[in-house]
């Protein structure tokens, strides 16, 4: 179902899924808009420059906060992992190999994407 929401939830690796560290907000907004199909819904300057992007009601935020992007990212739960892979690849994004993980007794189909800013994304879909 291409019209069904693809993104279901996002969870931070570290502290806050709405304050993922980047060095350039405009560049982040453009890349995540093109790559993940997100749209900008908020921009603020305080306490640090931040942009919030959204897709399917799920928000990711990017902040110029001095954090280390190579040690951060988010887990994004999707409704259809194959659709997510196909869409990302169609947008020119390199997608890691798919695997199956066991998380707290639940089986997940997963793959990783590393963005140009160094943030890592764990796309996952629970198995029934």
Protein backbone atom coordinates (compact mmCIF):
# COMPACT_ATOMS: atom_id res chain seq x y z
CA UNK A 1 0.00 0.00 0.00
CA UNK A 2 2.05 2.97 -1.21
CA UNK A 3 -0.33 5.48 0.42
CA UNK A 4 -0.14 3.87 3.86
CA UNK A 5 2.19 5.64 6.31
CA UNK A 6 5.70 4.23 6.04
CA UNK A 7 7.30 5.77 9.14
CA UNK A 8 5.67 4.60 12.38
CA UNK A 9 8.07 5.83 15.10
CA UNK A 10 11.59 7.07 15.76
CA UNK A 11 13.74 6.43 18.80
CA UNK A 12 17.10 8.09 19.62
CA UNK A 13 20.35 6.17 20.03
CA UNK A 14 21.49 8.65 22.64
CA UNK A 15 19.53 11.49 24.20
CA UNK A 16 16.97 13.09 21.94
CA UNK A 17 15.54 12.22 18.53
CA UNK A 18 14.71 15.93 18.12
CA UNK A 19 18.31 17.11 18.64
CA UNK A 20 20.47 14.92 16.40
CA UNK A 21 23.81 16.71 15.90
CA UNK A 22 24.61 18.35 12.56
CA UNK A 23 26.78 21.26 11.47
CA UNK A 24 24.48 22.76 8.80
CA UNK A 25 20.69 22.92 9.24
CA UNK A 26 19.91 23.88 5.65
CA UNK A 27 22.01 21.04 4.28
CA UNK A 28 20.37 18.58 6.70
CA UNK A 29 16.86 19.77 5.78
CA UNK A 30 17.60 19.36 2.06
CA UNK A 31 19.22 15.94 2.39
CA UNK A 32 16.58 14.41 4.68
CA UNK A 33 13.84 15.93 2.56
CA UNK A 34 15.21 14.28 -0.56
CA UNK A 35 16.47 11.04 1.00
CA UNK A 36 13.80 10.24 3.61
CA UNK A 37 10.87 12.18 2.13
CA UNK A 38 10.61 14.43 5.18
CA UNK A 39 9.35 18.01 5.27
CA UNK A 40 10.33 20.87 7.52
CA UNK A 41 7.74 21.67 10.19
CA UNK A 42 9.68 23.90 12.61
CA UNK A 43 12.87 25.91 12.89
CA UNK A 44 14.15 27.67 15.99
CA UNK A 45 17.30 29.40 17.22
CA UNK A 46 17.09 28.80 20.99
CA UNK A 47 18.58 27.16 22.93
CA UNK A 48 20.56 26.08 19.81
CA UNK A 49 19.75 26.33 16.09
CA UNK A 50 17.37 23.44 15.34
CA UNK A 51 15.23 22.21 12.47
CA UNK A 52 12.42 19.67 12.92
CA UNK A 53 11.42 17.47 9.98
CA UNK A 54 8.42 15.17 9.76
CA UNK A 55 7.08 12.27 7.77
CA UNK A 56 3.87 10.38 8.50
CA UNK A 57 3.60 12.18 11.85
CA UNK A 58 7.09 10.98 12.90
CA UNK A 59 9.58 13.73 13.70
CA UNK A 60 13.36 13.91 13.59
CA UNK A 61 15.17 17.02 14.74
CA UNK A 62 18.62 18.25 13.83
CA UNK A 63 20.55 20.70 15.96
CA UNK A 64 23.84 22.56 15.78
CA UNK A 65 24.72 21.47 19.31
CA UNK A 66 28.36 20.38 19.05
CA UNK A 67 27.48 16.69 19.33
CA UNK A 68 29.35 13.92 17.53
CA UNK A 69 27.17 12.70 14.66
CA UNK A 70 29.31 9.58 14.22
CA UNK A 71 28.08 8.40 17.64
CA UNK A 72 24.41 9.20 17.19
CA UNK A 73 21.37 8.51 15.07
CA UNK A 74 17.93 7.01 15.37
CA UNK A 75 16.00 3.77 15.07
CA UNK A 76 13.11 4.24 12.66
CA UNK A 77 10.26 1.72 12.81
CA UNK A 78 8.57 1.31 9.45
CA UNK A 79 5.45 -0.50 8.34
CA UNK A 80 7.08 -2.06 5.27
CA UNK A 81 10.84 -2.59 5.28
CA UNK A 82 10.96 -3.57 1.61
CA UNK A 83 9.11 -0.40 0.61
CA UNK A 84 11.52 1.66 2.74
CA UNK A 85 14.52 0.04 1.03
CA UNK A 86 13.06 0.54 -2.44
CA UNK A 87 12.25 4.18 -1.75
CA UNK A 88 15.64 4.97 -0.25
CA UNK A 89 17.51 3.30 -3.10
CA UNK A 90 15.35 5.15 -5.65
CA UNK A 91 16.47 8.36 -3.91
CA UNK A 92 20.12 7.36 -4.45
CA UNK A 93 20.76 6.28 -0.85
CA UNK A 94 23.10 3.40 -0.08
CA UNK A 95 21.30 0.88 2.11
CA UNK A 96 23.12 -1.73 4.19
CA UNK A 97 22.41 -5.44 3.97
CA UNK A 98 19.21 -6.61 5.55
CA UNK A 99 19.37 -8.90 8.55
CA UNK A 100 17.17 -10.22 11.34
CA UNK A 101 17.69 -9.00 14.92
CA UNK A 102 16.27 -10.18 18.21
CA UNK A 103 15.39 -7.24 20.48
CA UNK A 104 13.88 -8.03 23.89
CA UNK A 105 12.46 -11.29 22.55
CA UNK A 106 10.96 -9.67 19.43
CA UNK A 107 12.25 -10.50 15.99
CA UNK A 108 12.94 -7.56 13.68
CA UNK A 109 13.91 -7.24 10.02
CA UNK A 110 16.47 -4.44 9.84
CA UNK A 111 18.94 -2.51 7.70
CA UNK A 112 21.17 0.50 8.31
CA UNK A 113 21.67 3.78 6.49
CA UNK A 114 24.55 6.14 7.27
CA UNK A 115 23.80 9.71 6.23
CA UNK A 116 26.48 12.03 4.81
CA UNK A 117 26.51 13.90 8.15
CA UNK A 118 27.61 10.66 9.88
CA UNK A 119 24.33 9.93 11.65
CA UNK A 120 23.33 6.26 11.52
CA UNK A 121 19.75 5.04 11.04
CA UNK A 122 18.44 1.62 12.03
CA UNK A 123 15.36 0.99 9.90
CA UNK A 124 13.36 -1.87 11.36
CA UNK A 125 10.07 -3.72 11.01
CA UNK A 126 8.78 -6.13 13.64
CA UNK A 127 8.09 -9.64 12.40
CA UNK A 128 4.67 -11.05 13.25
